[in-house]
Amino acid sequence: MYAKLLKYSYYLSVLIITGIAGFAYFQRKQMIFADEFSSESLSSFMSSFYPWAVTICAGLAIIMLIYSGFLYVTSAGNVEQANRAKEYIIGALSGLVFLILTALIYQSLQSKIG
């Protein structure tokens, strides 16, 4: 039950962070036309939003890893709970891998833009 709560809170936090960032950005820019959108505005948005979002997502993934490790250690021969803990560990690690890959993409885009 706690794992589902953590998983859904992780998904909800990603949606909320994206929504807040989009709302804050579009609040400042009422309407975006193709000729107004430049690489400088995207660069400034990403440089202010990206580190904050990655920190929160990585923190939630680490909390999920800790919880799933606790589930695995306390399974005490319960195969179903051990398998569920392994699935959570794989999910949290794949989330961290995606975060690392987005960091690599972000760094390569930053080097080409700036």
C-alpha atoms as a PDB file:
ATOM      1  CA  MET A   1       0.000   0.000   0.000  1.00  0.00           C
ATOM      2  CA  TYR A   2       2.795   2.403   0.861  1.00  0.00           C
ATOM      3  CA  ALA A   3       4.608   1.568  -2.350  1.00  0.00           C
ATOM      4  CA  LYS A   4       1.547   2.442  -4.419  1.00  0.00           C
ATOM      5  CA  LEU A   5       1.233   5.667  -2.458  1.00  0.00           C
ATOM      6  CA  LEU A   6       4.884   6.498  -3.141  1.00  0.00           C
ATOM      7  CA  LYS A   7       4.545   5.613  -6.806  1.00  0.00           C
ATOM      8  CA  TYR A   8       1.443   7.716  -7.290  1.00  0.00           C
ATOM      9  CA  SER A   9       2.917  10.611  -5.297  1.00  0.00           C
ATOM     10  CA  TYR A  10       5.969  10.468  -7.586  1.00  0.00           C
ATOM     11  CA  TYR A  11       3.763  10.637 -10.683  1.00  0.00           C
ATOM     12  CA  LEU A  12       1.671  13.397  -9.141  1.00  0.00           C
ATOM     13  CA  SER A  13       4.759  15.425  -8.222  1.00  0.00           C
ATOM     14  CA  VAL A  14       6.089  15.184 -11.773  1.00  0.00           C
ATOM     15  CA  LEU A  15       2.735  16.390 -13.114  1.00  0.00           C
ATOM     16  CA  ILE A  16       2.518  19.204 -10.563  1.00  0.00           C
ATOM     17  CA  ILE A  17       6.079  20.375 -11.226  1.00  0.00           C
ATOM     18  CA  THR A  18       5.467  20.381 -14.969  1.00  0.00           C
ATOM     19  CA  GLY A  19       2.152  22.171 -14.513  1.00  0.00           C
ATOM     20  CA  ILE A  20       3.588  24.841 -12.217  1.00  0.00           C
ATOM     21  CA  ALA A  21       6.522  25.459 -14.521  1.00  0.00           C
ATOM     22  CA  GLY A  22       4.251  25.692 -17.547  1.00  0.00           C
ATOM     23  CA  PHE A  23       1.825  27.985 -15.726  1.00  0.00           C
ATOM     24  CA  ALA A  24       4.622  30.262 -14.508  1.00  0.00           C
ATOM     25  CA  TYR A  25       6.147  30.415 -17.954  1.00  0.00           C
ATOM     26  CA  PHE A  26       2.895  31.075 -19.783  1.00  0.00           C
ATOM     27  CA  GLN A  27       1.763  33.579 -17.167  1.00  0.00           C
ATOM     28  CA  ARG A  28       4.674  35.733 -18.169  1.00  0.00           C
ATOM     29  CA  LYS A  29       4.239  35.061 -21.890  1.00  0.00           C
ATOM     30  CA  GLN A  30       0.560  35.434 -22.704  1.00  0.00           C
ATOM     31  CA  MET A  31       0.826  33.914 -26.140  1.00  0.00           C
ATOM     32  CA  ILE A  32       3.758  32.346 -27.903  1.00  0.00           C
ATOM     33  CA  PHE A  33       4.177  32.848 -31.596  1.00  0.00           C
ATOM     34  CA  ALA A  34       6.745  31.005 -33.636  1.00  0.00           C
ATOM     35  CA  ASP A  35       8.718  34.153 -34.431  1.00  0.00           C
ATOM     36  CA  GLU A  36       8.889  35.143 -30.722  1.00  0.00           C
ATOM     37  CA  PHE A  37      10.188  31.788 -29.538  1.00  0.00           C
ATOM     38  CA  SER A  38      13.963  31.751 -29.552  1.00  0.00           C
ATOM     39  CA  SER A  39      16.703  29.562 -28.203  1.00  0.00           C
ATOM     40  CA  GLU A  40      17.471  32.145 -25.507  1.00  0.00           C
ATOM     41  CA  SER A  41      14.023  31.876 -23.949  1.00  0.00           C
ATOM     42  CA  LEU A  42      14.162  28.075 -23.965  1.00  0.00           C
ATOM     43  CA  SER A  43      17.659  28.156 -22.563  1.00  0.00           C
ATOM     44  CA  SER A  44      16.729  30.486 -19.718  1.00  0.00           C
ATOM     45  CA  PHE A  45      13.624  28.431 -18.899  1.00  0.00           C
ATOM     46  CA  MET A  46      15.530  25.153 -18.857  1.00  0.00           C
ATOM     47  CA  SER A  47      18.445  26.544 -16.865  1.00  0.00           C
ATOM     48  CA  SER A  48      16.083  27.715 -14.130  1.00  0.00           C
ATOM     49  CA  PHE A  49      13.649  24.773 -14.130  1.00  0.00           C
ATOM     50  CA  TYR A  50      15.747  21.701 -14.896  1.00  0.00           C
ATOM     51  CA  PRO A  51      17.990  21.477 -11.790  1.00  0.00           C
ATOM     52  CA  TRP A  52      15.041  21.952  -9.463  1.00  0.00           C
ATOM     53  CA  ALA A  53      12.928  19.302 -11.188  1.00  0.00           C
ATOM     54  CA  VAL A  54      15.757  16.767 -11.365  1.00  0.00           C
ATOM     55  CA  THR A  55      16.525  17.199  -7.682  1.00  0.00           C
ATOM     56  CA  ILE A  56      12.936  16.486  -6.683  1.00  0.00           C
ATOM     57  CA  CYS A  57      12.582  13.513  -9.046  1.00  0.00           C
ATOM     58  CA  ALA A  58      15.909  12.012  -7.946  1.00  0.00           C
ATOM     59  CA  GLY A  59      14.954  12.448  -4.298  1.00  0.00           C
ATOM     60  CA  LEU A  60      11.670  10.637  -4.839  1.00  0.00           C
ATOM     61  CA  ALA A  61      13.436   7.846  -6.725  1.00  0.00           C
ATOM     62  CA  ILE A  62      15.931   7.426  -3.879  1.00  0.00           C
ATOM     63  CA  ILE A  63      13.096   7.320  -1.342  1.00  0.00           C
ATOM     64  CA  MET A  64      11.457   4.645  -3.480  1.00  0.00           C
ATOM     65  CA  LEU A  65      14.734   2.686  -3.542  1.00  0.00           C
ATOM     66  CA  ILE A  66      15.017   2.871   0.233  1.00  0.00           C
ATOM     67  CA  TYR A  67      11.437   1.721   0.710  1.00  0.00           C
ATOM     68  CA  SER A  68      11.765  -1.130  -1.770  1.00  0.00           C
ATOM     69  CA  GLY A  69      15.006  -2.228  -0.112  1.00  0.00           C
ATOM     70  CA  PHE A  70      13.174  -2.266   3.201  1.00  0.00           C
ATOM     71  CA  LEU A  71      10.410  -4.363   1.629  1.00  0.00           C
ATOM     72  CA  TYR A  72      12.960  -6.798   0.242  1.00  0.00           C
ATOM     73  CA  VAL A  73      14.828  -7.172   3.525  1.00  0.00           C
ATOM     74  CA  THR A  74      11.650  -7.678   5.535  1.00  0.00           C
ATOM     75  CA  SER A  75      10.053 -10.125   3.091  1.00  0.00           C
ATOM     76  CA  ALA A  76      11.219 -13.053   5.306  1.00  0.00           C
ATOM     77  CA  GLY A  77      10.589 -15.747   2.730  1.00  0.00           C
ATOM     78  CA  ASN A  78       7.417 -14.209   1.344  1.00  0.00           C
ATOM     79  CA  VAL A  79       8.048 -14.658  -2.382  1.00  0.00           C
ATOM     80  CA  GLU A  80       5.257 -12.304  -3.461  1.00  0.00           C
ATOM     81  CA  GLN A  81       6.584  -9.435  -1.351  1.00  0.00           C
ATOM     82  CA  ALA A  82      10.163 -10.084  -2.501  1.00  0.00           C
ATOM     83  CA  ASN A  83       9.096 -10.035  -6.154  1.00  0.00           C
ATOM     84  CA  ARG A  84       7.138  -6.830  -5.612  1.00  0.00           C
ATOM     85  CA  ALA A  85      10.184  -5.253  -3.959  1.00  0.00           C
ATOM     86  CA  LYS A  86      12.356  -6.317  -6.904  1.00  0.00           C
ATOM     87  CA  GLU A  87       9.907  -4.680  -9.319  1.00  0.00           C
ATOM     88  CA  TYR A  88      10.030  -1.452  -7.313  1.00  0.00           C
ATOM     89  CA  ILE A  89      13.821  -1.533  -7.263  1.00  0.00           C
ATOM     90  CA  ILE A  90      13.955  -2.031 -11.030  1.00  0.00           C
ATOM     91  CA  GLY A  91      11.449   0.788 -11.540  1.00  0.00           C
ATOM     92  CA  ALA A  92      13.336   3.208  -9.311  1.00  0.00           C
ATOM     93  CA  LEU A  93      16.678   2.362 -10.939  1.00  0.00           C
ATOM     94  CA  SER A  94      15.236   2.782 -14.430  1.00  0.00           C
ATOM     95  CA  GLY A  95      13.865   6.170 -13.351  1.00  0.00           C
ATOM     96  CA  LEU A  96      17.329   7.188 -12.171  1.00  0.00           C
ATOM     97  CA  VAL A  97      18.810   5.998 -15.479  1.00  0.00           C
ATOM     98  CA  PHE A  98      16.295   8.162 -17.356  1.00  0.00           C
ATOM     99  CA  LEU A  99      17.273  11.127 -15.185  1.00  0.00           C
ATOM    100  CA  ILE A 100      20.931  10.561 -16.009  1.00  0.00           C
ATOM    101  CA  LEU A 101      20.131  10.293 -19.716  1.00  0.00           C
ATOM    102  CA  THR A 102      18.134  13.528 -19.623  1.00  0.00           C
ATOM    103  CA  ALA A 103      21.076  15.177 -17.893  1.00  0.00           C
ATOM    104  CA  LEU A 104      23.337  14.063 -20.739  1.00  0.00           C
ATOM    105  CA  ILE A 105      20.879  15.363 -23.335  1.00  0.00           C
ATOM    106  CA  TYR A 106      20.511  18.630 -21.428  1.00  0.00           C
ATOM    107  CA  GLN A 107      24.281  19.100 -21.209  1.00  0.00           C
ATOM    108  CA  SER A 108      24.749  18.419 -24.917  1.00  0.00           C
ATOM    109  CA  LEU A 109      21.992  20.902 -25.789  1.00  0.00           C
ATOM    110  CA  GLN A 110      23.490  23.504 -23.474  1.00  0.00           C
ATOM    111  CA  SER A 111      26.902  23.122 -25.100  1.00  0.00           C
ATOM    112  CA  LYS A 112      25.429  23.541 -28.591  1.00  0.00           C
ATOM    113  CA  ILE A 113      23.203  26.506 -27.674  1.00  0.00           C
ATOM    114  CA  GLY A 114      25.537  28.366 -25.360  1.00  0.00           C
END
